[in-house]
N, C-alpha and C. Protein backbone atom coordinates (compact mmCIF):
# COMPACT_ATOMS: atom_id res chain seq x y z
N MET A 1 91.91 26.76 60.99
CA MET A 1 91.61 26.19 62.30
C MET A 1 91.22 24.72 62.19
N PHE A 2 90.31 24.44 61.23
CA PHE A 2 89.87 23.06 61.03
C PHE A 2 91.05 22.17 60.64
N LEU A 3 91.88 22.65 59.68
CA LEU A 3 92.99 21.83 59.21
C LEU A 3 94.03 21.61 60.31
N ASP A 4 94.26 22.63 61.14
CA ASP A 4 95.21 22.47 62.24
C ASP A 4 94.73 21.41 63.23
N LYS A 5 93.43 21.47 63.54
CA LYS A 5 92.87 20.49 64.47
C LYS A 5 92.92 19.09 63.85
N LEU A 6 92.60 18.99 62.55
CA LEU A 6 92.63 17.71 61.86
C LEU A 6 94.04 17.13 61.84
N LYS A 7 95.02 17.98 61.55
CA LYS A 7 96.42 17.54 61.52
C LYS A 7 96.84 17.03 62.89
N ASN A 8 96.43 17.72 63.95
CA ASN A 8 96.78 17.30 65.30
C ASN A 8 96.17 15.94 65.63
N GLU A 9 94.90 15.75 65.23
CA GLU A 9 94.24 14.47 65.50
C GLU A 9 94.91 13.32 64.73
N LEU A 10 95.29 13.61 63.49
CA LEU A 10 95.90 12.57 62.66
C LEU A 10 97.28 12.16 63.16
N ASN A 11 97.92 13.05 63.92
CA ASN A 11 99.26 12.75 64.44
C ASN A 11 99.22 12.13 65.83
N GLN A 12 98.01 11.92 66.37
CA GLN A 12 97.89 11.20 67.63
C GLN A 12 98.05 9.70 67.37
N ASN A 13 98.24 8.95 68.43
CA ASN A 13 98.33 7.49 68.29
C ASN A 13 97.05 6.96 67.68
N GLN A 14 97.19 6.23 66.58
CA GLN A 14 96.03 5.69 65.87
C GLN A 14 95.86 4.21 66.22
N PRO A 15 94.64 3.70 66.09
CA PRO A 15 94.44 2.26 66.28
C PRO A 15 95.31 1.47 65.31
N LEU A 16 95.59 0.24 65.64
CA LEU A 16 96.37 -0.62 64.77
C LEU A 16 95.68 -0.81 63.42
N PHE A 17 94.36 -0.87 63.45
CA PHE A 17 93.58 -0.99 62.22
C PHE A 17 92.18 -0.48 62.51
N ILE A 18 91.44 -0.12 61.46
CA ILE A 18 90.07 0.38 61.64
C ILE A 18 89.21 -0.74 62.22
N GLY A 19 88.59 -0.47 63.35
CA GLY A 19 87.76 -1.46 64.01
C GLY A 19 88.44 -2.15 65.19
N GLU A 20 89.69 -1.76 65.48
CA GLU A 20 90.41 -2.41 66.58
C GLU A 20 89.67 -2.24 67.91
N GLU A 21 89.09 -1.07 68.13
CA GLU A 21 88.45 -0.79 69.42
C GLU A 21 87.27 -1.71 69.69
N THR A 22 86.57 -2.14 68.65
CA THR A 22 85.38 -2.97 68.82
C THR A 22 85.64 -4.45 68.50
N ALA A 23 86.85 -4.78 68.07
CA ALA A 23 87.17 -6.17 67.72
C ALA A 23 87.29 -7.03 68.97
N LEU A 24 87.16 -8.33 68.80
CA LEU A 24 87.47 -9.27 69.86
C LEU A 24 88.99 -9.28 70.01
N ARG A 25 89.48 -8.84 71.16
CA ARG A 25 90.92 -8.67 71.37
C ARG A 25 91.43 -9.73 72.35
N SER A 26 92.45 -10.43 71.91
CA SER A 26 93.05 -11.46 72.75
C SER A 26 94.56 -11.25 72.83
N ALA A 27 95.16 -11.81 73.86
CA ALA A 27 96.61 -11.74 74.03
C ALA A 27 97.12 -13.14 74.35
N ILE A 28 98.26 -13.51 73.77
CA ILE A 28 98.83 -14.82 74.05
C ILE A 28 100.31 -14.65 74.39
N MET A 29 100.85 -15.69 74.99
CA MET A 29 102.27 -15.68 75.34
C MET A 29 102.95 -16.90 74.73
N ILE A 30 104.09 -16.67 74.10
CA ILE A 30 104.93 -17.76 73.63
C ILE A 30 105.96 -18.02 74.73
N PRO A 31 105.76 -19.08 75.53
CA PRO A 31 106.65 -19.30 76.67
C PRO A 31 107.89 -20.11 76.27
N LEU A 32 109.04 -19.61 76.64
CA LEU A 32 110.29 -20.33 76.43
C LEU A 32 110.75 -20.90 77.77
N VAL A 33 111.05 -22.19 77.78
CA VAL A 33 111.52 -22.85 79.00
C VAL A 33 112.79 -23.63 78.68
N GLN A 34 113.62 -23.82 79.66
CA GLN A 34 114.84 -24.60 79.47
C GLN A 34 114.60 -26.05 79.88
N VAL A 35 114.95 -26.96 78.96
CA VAL A 35 114.86 -28.39 79.21
C VAL A 35 116.23 -28.98 78.93
N ASN A 36 116.88 -29.51 79.96
CA ASN A 36 118.23 -30.04 79.81
C ASN A 36 119.17 -29.02 79.16
N GLU A 37 119.08 -27.78 79.65
CA GLU A 37 119.93 -26.68 79.21
C GLU A 37 119.71 -26.30 77.74
N GLU A 38 118.57 -26.68 77.19
CA GLU A 38 118.22 -26.31 75.81
C GLU A 38 116.88 -25.59 75.84
N TRP A 39 116.76 -24.51 75.05
CA TRP A 39 115.52 -23.74 75.04
C TRP A 39 114.44 -24.46 74.24
N HIS A 40 113.26 -24.53 74.83
CA HIS A 40 112.08 -25.13 74.21
C HIS A 40 110.94 -24.12 74.21
N VAL A 41 109.99 -24.30 73.28
CA VAL A 41 108.73 -23.56 73.30
C VAL A 41 107.70 -24.45 73.98
N LEU A 42 106.97 -23.88 74.91
CA LEU A 42 105.94 -24.63 75.64
C LEU A 42 104.57 -24.42 74.99
N PHE A 43 103.82 -25.51 74.87
CA PHE A 43 102.47 -25.48 74.29
C PHE A 43 101.48 -26.10 75.26
N GLU A 44 100.23 -25.74 75.09
CA GLU A 44 99.13 -26.34 75.85
C GLU A 44 98.24 -27.13 74.91
N VAL A 45 97.69 -28.22 75.42
CA VAL A 45 96.58 -28.91 74.75
C VAL A 45 95.32 -28.51 75.50
N ARG A 46 94.39 -27.89 74.80
CA ARG A 46 93.18 -27.41 75.45
C ARG A 46 92.36 -28.58 76.01
N SER A 47 91.77 -28.35 77.17
CA SER A 47 90.98 -29.38 77.83
C SER A 47 89.91 -29.94 76.89
N LEU A 48 89.70 -31.24 76.98
CA LEU A 48 88.70 -31.90 76.14
C LEU A 48 87.29 -31.54 76.55
N THR A 49 87.13 -30.89 77.71
CA THR A 49 85.80 -30.48 78.16
C THR A 49 85.49 -29.03 77.80
N MET A 50 86.44 -28.35 77.15
CA MET A 50 86.22 -26.96 76.77
C MET A 50 85.13 -26.87 75.71
N ARG A 51 84.33 -25.82 75.77
CA ARG A 51 83.26 -25.63 74.80
C ARG A 51 83.82 -25.28 73.42
N ASN A 52 84.87 -24.47 73.39
CA ASN A 52 85.46 -24.04 72.12
C ASN A 52 86.80 -24.72 71.89
N GLN A 53 86.96 -25.33 70.75
CA GLN A 53 88.21 -25.93 70.29
C GLN A 53 88.84 -26.90 71.30
N PRO A 54 88.06 -27.85 71.82
CA PRO A 54 88.65 -28.82 72.76
C PRO A 54 89.72 -29.66 72.08
N GLY A 55 90.83 -29.88 72.78
CA GLY A 55 91.89 -30.72 72.26
C GLY A 55 92.85 -30.02 71.31
N ASP A 56 92.55 -28.79 70.93
CA ASP A 56 93.46 -28.05 70.05
C ASP A 56 94.72 -27.64 70.82
N ILE A 57 95.80 -27.44 70.10
CA ILE A 57 97.05 -27.01 70.70
C ILE A 57 97.13 -25.49 70.61
N SER A 58 97.53 -24.87 71.72
CA SER A 58 97.54 -23.40 71.77
C SER A 58 98.67 -22.92 72.66
N PHE A 59 98.85 -21.61 72.64
CA PHE A 59 99.72 -20.94 73.61
C PHE A 59 98.84 -20.47 74.77
N PRO A 60 99.43 -20.23 75.95
CA PRO A 60 98.65 -19.62 77.02
C PRO A 60 98.11 -18.27 76.57
N GLY A 61 96.87 -17.99 76.88
CA GLY A 61 96.30 -16.71 76.48
C GLY A 61 94.80 -16.77 76.39
N GLY A 62 94.22 -15.64 76.03
CA GLY A 62 92.77 -15.58 75.91
C GLY A 62 92.30 -14.15 75.73
N ARG A 63 91.01 -13.96 75.89
CA ARG A 63 90.39 -12.66 75.67
C ARG A 63 90.89 -11.63 76.68
N ILE A 64 91.11 -10.41 76.21
CA ILE A 64 91.52 -9.32 77.08
C ILE A 64 90.31 -8.84 77.86
N ASP A 65 90.43 -8.87 79.18
CA ASP A 65 89.35 -8.43 80.05
C ASP A 65 89.38 -6.91 80.22
N PRO A 66 88.21 -6.31 80.48
CA PRO A 66 88.18 -4.86 80.71
C PRO A 66 89.08 -4.43 81.88
N THR A 67 89.32 -5.34 82.81
CA THR A 67 90.16 -5.00 83.96
C THR A 67 91.65 -5.10 83.67
N ASP A 68 92.01 -5.66 82.52
CA ASP A 68 93.43 -5.74 82.15
C ASP A 68 93.93 -4.37 81.71
N ALA A 69 95.05 -3.94 82.27
CA ALA A 69 95.58 -2.62 81.94
C ALA A 69 96.11 -2.55 80.51
N SER A 70 96.50 -3.68 79.95
CA SER A 70 97.08 -3.70 78.61
C SER A 70 97.05 -5.14 78.09
N PRO A 71 97.28 -5.33 76.78
CA PRO A 71 97.39 -6.70 76.27
C PRO A 71 98.48 -7.50 76.98
N LEU A 72 99.59 -6.85 77.32
CA LEU A 72 100.66 -7.56 78.04
C LEU A 72 100.17 -8.06 79.39
N ASP A 73 99.47 -7.21 80.12
CA ASP A 73 98.93 -7.64 81.42
C ASP A 73 97.98 -8.82 81.25
N SER A 74 97.22 -8.81 80.17
CA SER A 74 96.30 -9.91 79.89
C SER A 74 97.07 -11.20 79.64
N ALA A 75 98.14 -11.13 78.84
CA ALA A 75 98.94 -12.32 78.54
C ALA A 75 99.56 -12.90 79.80
N ILE A 76 100.06 -12.03 80.68
CA ILE A 76 100.65 -12.49 81.94
C ILE A 76 99.59 -13.12 82.84
N ARG A 77 98.43 -12.48 82.92
CA ARG A 77 97.34 -13.01 83.75
C ARG A 77 96.91 -14.39 83.26
N GLU A 78 96.75 -14.53 81.94
CA GLU A 78 96.31 -15.81 81.39
C GLU A 78 97.35 -16.90 81.63
N ALA A 79 98.63 -16.56 81.47
CA ALA A 79 99.69 -17.55 81.71
C ALA A 79 99.67 -18.00 83.16
N HIS A 80 99.43 -17.06 84.05
CA HIS A 80 99.34 -17.38 85.48
C HIS A 80 98.15 -18.28 85.76
N GLU A 81 96.99 -17.96 85.18
CA GLU A 81 95.77 -18.72 85.44
C GLU A 81 95.84 -20.12 84.84
N GLU A 82 96.45 -20.24 83.65
CA GLU A 82 96.45 -21.53 82.95
C GLU A 82 97.60 -22.43 83.37
N LEU A 83 98.79 -21.85 83.58
CA LEU A 83 99.96 -22.66 83.91
C LEU A 83 100.24 -22.72 85.41
N GLY A 84 99.63 -21.80 86.16
CA GLY A 84 99.87 -21.78 87.59
C GLY A 84 101.21 -21.23 88.00
N VAL A 85 101.86 -20.47 87.09
CA VAL A 85 103.18 -19.92 87.39
C VAL A 85 103.03 -18.49 87.90
N ASP A 86 103.77 -18.16 88.94
CA ASP A 86 103.73 -16.82 89.52
C ASP A 86 104.30 -15.82 88.51
N PRO A 87 103.64 -14.67 88.30
CA PRO A 87 104.13 -13.67 87.34
C PRO A 87 105.57 -13.22 87.58
N ILE A 88 106.07 -13.34 88.81
CA ILE A 88 107.45 -12.90 89.06
C ILE A 88 108.45 -13.80 88.35
N TYR A 89 108.02 -14.99 87.93
CA TYR A 89 108.90 -15.90 87.21
C TYR A 89 108.69 -15.84 85.70
N ILE A 90 107.94 -14.84 85.25
CA ILE A 90 107.72 -14.62 83.82
C ILE A 90 108.56 -13.41 83.39
N ASN A 91 109.50 -13.65 82.50
CA ASN A 91 110.40 -12.58 82.03
C ASN A 91 110.05 -12.24 80.57
N ILE A 92 109.41 -11.09 80.38
CA ILE A 92 108.98 -10.68 79.04
C ILE A 92 110.18 -10.26 78.20
N LEU A 93 110.32 -10.88 77.03
CA LEU A 93 111.42 -10.56 76.12
C LEU A 93 111.01 -9.54 75.06
N GLY A 94 109.75 -9.54 74.68
CA GLY A 94 109.30 -8.61 73.66
C GLY A 94 107.94 -8.98 73.11
N GLN A 95 107.50 -8.20 72.14
CA GLN A 95 106.19 -8.40 71.52
C GLN A 95 106.37 -8.61 70.03
N LEU A 96 105.58 -9.54 69.47
CA LEU A 96 105.57 -9.77 68.04
C LEU A 96 104.49 -8.90 67.38
N SER A 97 104.49 -8.86 66.06
CA SER A 97 103.43 -8.17 65.34
C SER A 97 102.09 -8.80 65.67
N ALA A 98 101.06 -7.97 65.72
CA ALA A 98 99.72 -8.48 66.01
C ALA A 98 99.27 -9.40 64.87
N TYR A 99 98.48 -10.40 65.24
CA TYR A 99 97.90 -11.31 64.26
C TYR A 99 96.44 -10.89 64.07
N ILE A 100 96.08 -10.56 62.81
CA ILE A 100 94.75 -10.02 62.53
C ILE A 100 94.09 -10.91 61.47
N PRO A 101 93.44 -11.99 61.89
CA PRO A 101 92.78 -12.85 60.90
C PRO A 101 91.57 -12.22 60.25
N SER A 102 90.94 -11.25 60.94
CA SER A 102 89.80 -10.53 60.35
C SER A 102 89.68 -9.19 61.07
N SER A 103 88.86 -8.30 60.53
CA SER A 103 88.69 -6.98 61.13
C SER A 103 87.96 -7.03 62.46
N SER A 104 87.43 -8.20 62.81
CA SER A 104 86.70 -8.32 64.07
C SER A 104 87.47 -9.14 65.11
N PHE A 105 88.72 -9.48 64.81
CA PHE A 105 89.49 -10.32 65.71
C PHE A 105 90.97 -9.99 65.60
N VAL A 106 91.62 -9.75 66.74
CA VAL A 106 93.05 -9.45 66.74
C VAL A 106 93.69 -10.14 67.93
N VAL A 107 94.91 -10.64 67.72
CA VAL A 107 95.67 -11.31 68.78
C VAL A 107 97.02 -10.60 68.94
N TYR A 108 97.36 -10.26 70.19
CA TYR A 108 98.63 -9.61 70.49
C TYR A 108 99.57 -10.65 71.11
N PRO A 109 100.63 -11.07 70.39
CA PRO A 109 101.52 -12.11 70.92
C PRO A 109 102.74 -11.51 71.64
N PHE A 110 103.11 -12.13 72.75
CA PHE A 110 104.29 -11.74 73.51
C PHE A 110 105.19 -12.97 73.69
N VAL A 111 106.48 -12.71 73.82
CA VAL A 111 107.45 -13.78 74.02
C VAL A 111 108.06 -13.61 75.40
N ALA A 112 108.16 -14.71 76.14
CA ALA A 112 108.69 -14.62 77.51
C ALA A 112 109.39 -15.91 77.89
N THR A 113 110.35 -15.80 78.80
CA THR A 113 110.93 -16.99 79.40
C THR A 113 110.19 -17.26 80.71
N ILE A 114 110.04 -18.53 81.01
CA ILE A 114 109.36 -18.95 82.24
C ILE A 114 110.25 -19.97 82.94
N ASP A 115 110.38 -19.81 84.24
CA ASP A 115 111.09 -20.81 85.03
C ASP A 115 110.19 -22.04 85.14
N ASP A 116 110.53 -23.09 84.38
CA ASP A 116 109.64 -24.25 84.33
C ASP A 116 109.53 -24.96 85.68
N HIS A 117 110.47 -24.72 86.58
CA HIS A 117 110.38 -25.32 87.91
C HIS A 117 109.19 -24.74 88.70
N GLN A 118 108.69 -23.59 88.22
CA GLN A 118 107.58 -22.94 88.92
C GLN A 118 106.22 -23.41 88.40
N ILE A 119 106.23 -24.24 87.35
CA ILE A 119 104.97 -24.76 86.82
C ILE A 119 104.64 -26.03 87.63
N HIS A 120 104.11 -25.82 88.82
CA HIS A 120 103.82 -26.94 89.70
C HIS A 120 102.56 -27.69 89.25
N SER A 121 101.62 -26.95 88.75
CA SER A 121 100.39 -27.57 88.28
C SER A 121 99.73 -26.61 87.31
N PHE A 122 98.97 -27.16 86.37
CA PHE A 122 98.24 -26.31 85.43
C PHE A 122 96.75 -26.49 85.65
N ASN A 123 96.00 -25.55 85.12
CA ASN A 123 94.55 -25.52 85.32
C ASN A 123 93.88 -26.62 84.49
N LYS A 124 93.46 -27.69 85.15
CA LYS A 124 92.88 -28.84 84.45
C LYS A 124 91.55 -28.51 83.79
N GLN A 125 90.90 -27.44 84.22
CA GLN A 125 89.64 -27.05 83.59
C GLN A 125 89.87 -26.49 82.19
N GLU A 126 91.05 -25.96 81.96
CA GLU A 126 91.35 -25.34 80.67
C GLU A 126 92.43 -26.08 79.89
N VAL A 127 93.31 -26.77 80.60
CA VAL A 127 94.47 -27.38 79.95
C VAL A 127 94.49 -28.89 80.19
N GLU A 128 94.52 -29.67 79.11
CA GLU A 128 94.56 -31.12 79.21
C GLU A 128 95.97 -31.60 79.54
N GLU A 129 96.95 -31.00 78.89
CA GLU A 129 98.36 -31.33 79.13
C GLU A 129 99.23 -30.22 78.56
N ILE A 130 100.50 -30.24 78.93
CA ILE A 130 101.47 -29.32 78.34
C ILE A 130 102.62 -30.14 77.78
N PHE A 131 103.29 -29.60 76.76
CA PHE A 131 104.46 -30.25 76.19
C PHE A 131 105.37 -29.17 75.61
N THR A 132 106.59 -29.54 75.29
CA THR A 132 107.53 -28.57 74.75
C THR A 132 108.17 -29.11 73.47
N ILE A 133 108.62 -28.17 72.64
CA ILE A 133 109.35 -28.51 71.41
C ILE A 133 110.64 -27.71 71.41
N PRO A 134 111.78 -28.35 71.14
CA PRO A 134 113.05 -27.60 71.11
C PRO A 134 113.03 -26.50 70.05
N VAL A 135 113.53 -25.34 70.40
CA VAL A 135 113.61 -24.23 69.45
C VAL A 135 114.46 -24.65 68.25
N GLU A 136 115.54 -25.39 68.50
CA GLU A 136 116.42 -25.83 67.42
C GLU A 136 115.66 -26.70 66.42
N TRP A 137 114.77 -27.55 66.92
CA TRP A 137 113.97 -28.39 66.02
C TRP A 137 113.06 -27.52 65.17
N LEU A 138 112.43 -26.53 65.79
CA LEU A 138 111.52 -25.64 65.06
C LEU A 138 112.26 -24.83 64.00
N LEU A 139 113.50 -24.43 64.30
CA LEU A 139 114.28 -23.65 63.34
C LEU A 139 114.61 -24.47 62.10
N ASN A 140 114.69 -25.78 62.26
CA ASN A 140 115.08 -26.64 61.13
C ASN A 140 113.90 -27.32 60.46
N TYR A 141 112.72 -27.19 61.05
CA TYR A 141 111.54 -27.87 60.50
C TYR A 141 110.90 -27.03 59.41
N GLN A 142 110.41 -27.69 58.38
CA GLN A 142 109.70 -27.00 57.31
C GLN A 142 108.21 -27.28 57.44
N PRO A 143 107.41 -26.31 57.93
CA PRO A 143 105.97 -26.55 58.04
C PRO A 143 105.34 -26.65 56.65
N TYR A 144 104.20 -27.30 56.58
CA TYR A 144 103.51 -27.41 55.29
C TYR A 144 102.18 -26.67 55.38
N MET A 145 101.64 -26.33 54.21
CA MET A 145 100.50 -25.43 54.15
C MET A 145 99.37 -26.00 53.29
N HIS A 146 98.13 -25.76 53.75
CA HIS A 146 96.94 -26.05 52.96
C HIS A 146 96.09 -24.77 52.92
N THR A 147 95.35 -24.60 51.85
CA THR A 147 94.52 -23.40 51.72
C THR A 147 93.05 -23.73 51.99
N VAL A 148 92.36 -22.73 52.52
CA VAL A 148 90.93 -22.85 52.78
C VAL A 148 90.23 -21.67 52.09
N SER A 149 89.23 -21.95 51.28
CA SER A 149 88.48 -20.91 50.59
C SER A 149 87.29 -20.49 51.44
N ILE A 150 87.14 -19.18 51.60
CA ILE A 150 86.04 -18.64 52.40
C ILE A 150 85.16 -17.78 51.50
N GLN A 151 83.88 -18.10 51.46
CA GLN A 151 82.93 -17.40 50.61
C GLN A 151 81.98 -16.58 51.48
N PRO A 152 81.84 -15.26 51.23
CA PRO A 152 80.89 -14.45 52.01
C PRO A 152 79.46 -14.96 51.81
N MET A 153 78.69 -14.98 52.90
CA MET A 153 77.29 -15.42 52.86
C MET A 153 76.43 -14.38 53.56
N PRO A 154 75.93 -13.37 52.81
CA PRO A 154 75.07 -12.34 53.43
C PRO A 154 73.83 -12.95 54.05
N LEU A 155 73.38 -12.35 55.15
CA LEU A 155 72.17 -12.82 55.79
C LEU A 155 70.94 -12.44 54.95
N THR A 156 69.81 -13.01 55.29
CA THR A 156 68.61 -12.83 54.46
C THR A 156 68.12 -11.39 54.44
N ASP A 157 68.48 -10.57 55.45
CA ASP A 157 68.00 -9.19 55.47
C ASP A 157 68.98 -8.22 54.83
N PHE A 158 69.98 -8.74 54.10
CA PHE A 158 70.95 -7.85 53.45
C PHE A 158 70.24 -6.98 52.42
N PRO A 159 70.47 -5.63 52.41
CA PRO A 159 69.73 -4.72 51.52
C PRO A 159 70.28 -4.71 50.09
N TYR A 160 70.02 -5.79 49.36
CA TYR A 160 70.50 -5.88 47.99
C TYR A 160 69.97 -4.75 47.12
N GLU A 161 68.79 -4.22 47.45
CA GLU A 161 68.18 -3.18 46.61
C GLU A 161 69.00 -1.89 46.63
N LYS A 162 69.93 -1.76 47.54
CA LYS A 162 70.72 -0.53 47.65
C LYS A 162 72.06 -0.61 46.93
N ILE A 163 72.40 -1.76 46.34
CA ILE A 163 73.70 -1.90 45.68
C ILE A 163 73.50 -2.26 44.21
N VAL A 164 74.49 -1.87 43.41
CA VAL A 164 74.45 -2.16 41.98
C VAL A 164 74.50 -3.68 41.77
N ASN A 165 73.68 -4.15 40.86
CA ASN A 165 73.55 -5.58 40.52
C ASN A 165 72.76 -6.38 41.55
N GLY A 166 72.33 -5.73 42.64
CA GLY A 166 71.44 -6.39 43.60
C GLY A 166 71.93 -7.75 44.04
N ASP A 167 71.02 -8.72 44.04
CA ASP A 167 71.41 -10.05 44.51
C ASP A 167 72.28 -10.80 43.50
N LYS A 168 72.60 -10.15 42.38
CA LYS A 168 73.53 -10.74 41.42
C LYS A 168 74.96 -10.25 41.68
N TYR A 169 75.13 -9.49 42.74
CA TYR A 169 76.46 -8.96 43.07
C TYR A 169 77.44 -10.11 43.24
N GLN A 170 78.63 -9.95 42.64
CA GLN A 170 79.64 -11.00 42.70
C GLN A 170 80.53 -10.81 43.93
N TRP A 171 80.23 -11.55 44.97
CA TRP A 171 81.04 -11.48 46.18
C TRP A 171 82.38 -12.15 45.94
N ARG A 172 83.42 -11.54 46.47
CA ARG A 172 84.75 -12.12 46.32
C ARG A 172 85.04 -13.11 47.45
N SER A 173 85.41 -14.30 47.06
CA SER A 173 85.85 -15.26 48.06
C SER A 173 87.31 -14.95 48.39
N ARG A 174 87.77 -15.41 49.52
CA ARG A 174 89.17 -15.23 49.84
C ARG A 174 89.76 -16.55 50.29
N VAL A 175 91.04 -16.66 50.15
CA VAL A 175 91.74 -17.89 50.50
C VAL A 175 92.65 -17.61 51.68
N ILE A 176 92.57 -18.45 52.70
CA ILE A 176 93.47 -18.30 53.84
C ILE A 176 94.44 -19.48 53.87
N GLU A 177 95.63 -19.22 54.37
CA GLU A 177 96.65 -20.25 54.47
C GLU A 177 96.61 -20.87 55.86
N GLU A 178 96.55 -22.17 55.91
CA GLU A 178 96.61 -22.89 57.18
C GLU A 178 97.92 -23.69 57.22
N TRP A 179 98.78 -23.35 58.20
CA TRP A 179 100.08 -24.00 58.31
C TRP A 179 100.01 -25.12 59.34
N PHE A 180 100.87 -26.12 59.13
CA PHE A 180 100.87 -27.31 59.98
C PHE A 180 102.29 -27.66 60.41
N TYR A 181 102.42 -27.99 61.70
CA TYR A 181 103.67 -28.51 62.26
C TYR A 181 103.36 -29.87 62.88
N ASP A 182 104.07 -30.90 62.47
CA ASP A 182 103.90 -32.23 63.05
C ASP A 182 105.11 -32.53 63.94
N TYR A 183 104.86 -32.73 65.22
CA TYR A 183 105.94 -33.06 66.15
C TYR A 183 105.48 -34.22 67.02
N GLU A 184 106.18 -35.35 66.86
CA GLU A 184 105.81 -36.57 67.58
C GLU A 184 104.32 -36.83 67.40
N LYS A 185 103.54 -36.91 68.48
CA LYS A 185 102.11 -37.23 68.33
C LYS A 185 101.25 -35.98 68.15
N TYR A 186 101.87 -34.80 68.12
CA TYR A 186 101.13 -33.54 68.11
C TYR A 186 101.11 -32.91 66.72
N THR A 187 99.98 -32.30 66.38
CA THR A 187 99.89 -31.48 65.17
C THR A 187 99.44 -30.08 65.57
N ILE A 188 100.27 -29.11 65.25
CA ILE A 188 99.97 -27.71 65.55
C ILE A 188 99.50 -27.05 64.26
N TRP A 189 98.35 -26.41 64.31
CA TRP A 189 97.82 -25.75 63.13
C TRP A 189 97.00 -24.54 63.55
N GLY A 190 96.35 -23.89 62.58
CA GLY A 190 95.47 -22.76 62.88
C GLY A 190 96.23 -21.54 63.36
N LEU A 191 95.56 -20.77 64.21
CA LEU A 191 96.13 -19.53 64.74
C LEU A 191 97.49 -19.77 65.40
N THR A 192 97.59 -20.84 66.18
CA THR A 192 98.84 -21.14 66.88
C THR A 192 99.99 -21.36 65.90
N ALA A 193 99.73 -22.11 64.84
CA ALA A 193 100.78 -22.37 63.86
C ALA A 193 101.18 -21.09 63.12
N SER A 194 100.22 -20.23 62.82
CA SER A 194 100.53 -18.98 62.11
C SER A 194 101.42 -18.09 62.95
N ILE A 195 101.11 -17.97 64.25
CA ILE A 195 101.92 -17.14 65.14
C ILE A 195 103.28 -17.80 65.37
N LEU A 196 103.30 -19.12 65.53
CA LEU A 196 104.56 -19.83 65.70
C LEU A 196 105.46 -19.63 64.49
N LYS A 197 104.90 -19.73 63.30
CA LYS A 197 105.68 -19.55 62.07
C LYS A 197 106.30 -18.16 62.03
N HIS A 198 105.52 -17.15 62.38
CA HIS A 198 106.04 -15.78 62.40
C HIS A 198 107.16 -15.64 63.43
N PHE A 199 106.99 -16.25 64.59
CA PHE A 199 108.01 -16.19 65.63
C PHE A 199 109.31 -16.84 65.15
N ILE A 200 109.22 -18.01 64.56
CA ILE A 200 110.42 -18.71 64.09
C ILE A 200 111.11 -17.92 62.99
N GLU A 201 110.33 -17.37 62.06
CA GLU A 201 110.92 -16.55 60.99
C GLU A 201 111.59 -15.31 61.56
N THR A 202 111.06 -14.78 62.64
CA THR A 202 111.63 -13.58 63.26
C THR A 202 112.99 -13.87 63.88
N ILE A 203 113.15 -15.04 64.49
CA ILE A 203 114.41 -15.32 65.18
C ILE A 203 115.43 -16.01 64.29
N LYS A 204 115.05 -16.42 63.08
CA LYS A 204 116.01 -17.09 62.21
C LYS A 204 117.12 -16.12 61.81
């Protein structure tokens, strides 16, 4: 009886990873727009008055709200709020693999075409400016990479007395890859560059 119940539970839909339910969950959209009959990827420059990451380059998106029915609904809502485009002019093409920089943070990326004629105005409180890069240029560009070393730093109340070697425990540092794209006056890096790189590799 126990094994039958266990087998049934294990065959149900499982979270993407352990901790997904409690992680900070965000959804973003990679918007494709036509410029002079050529497909471009649209980017945002975050408002310089934003509390977090002002001036950084990003895709439309943000934290998934409890009222969002799904990550896709969240991505569409954010694109509407930030770009001012009506959802009826957003055509979802598909979803990319989730980006999981840590067990406490996950991003669900979606790809969509947007009628750029419908972007009459963008939200100046969140977006400083928008710009586009030709897909063909991205397909031929070679991004470059730098590494960042991250060292765990336990807080002062960490119970060292409960682990072998106590405060002499050798914590493992980890190295993350930071990719960079330079286009005209813009530099795309961080989370946006990682997702962009995956998108370009997917369509190559």
